Amino acid sequence: MAAANVAGMALVTVTRQAPGIYAVDVSESDGTSRHTVTATRAHLAELGLDAPPERVIEESFHFLLEREPKEAILARFDLPVIGRYFPEYPEEIRHRLEP
């Protein structure tokens, strides 16, 4: 399980549910939203990432929360879908997760 504060306002918790399936809770002072994200090895490879899936998902939610409120984030999605809404996502997530 991974958890991180986003700009001191949101707590993002990522929990593996099954192979390639993760529950993500985003908690803020006004409540919590729950999301289910599919992040397979193929998805990570497609993004050019070799980081642990929990870390990629956590940082992906940081990326999303910088652009929209937690309530606007899809309840269930495959990780690469973010790039359909935000074309800069693949490059930005690679940059954020560089060693």
Foldseek 3Di string as FASTA:
>chain_A
DDWDDQVVFWIWDWDDDDAQKIWIWIDGPVGIAIAIEGEHPVNCVVLVHDDPPRVLVVVVVSVVVVPDPPVPDDRYYYVVVVCVVPVCVSVVSCVVPPD
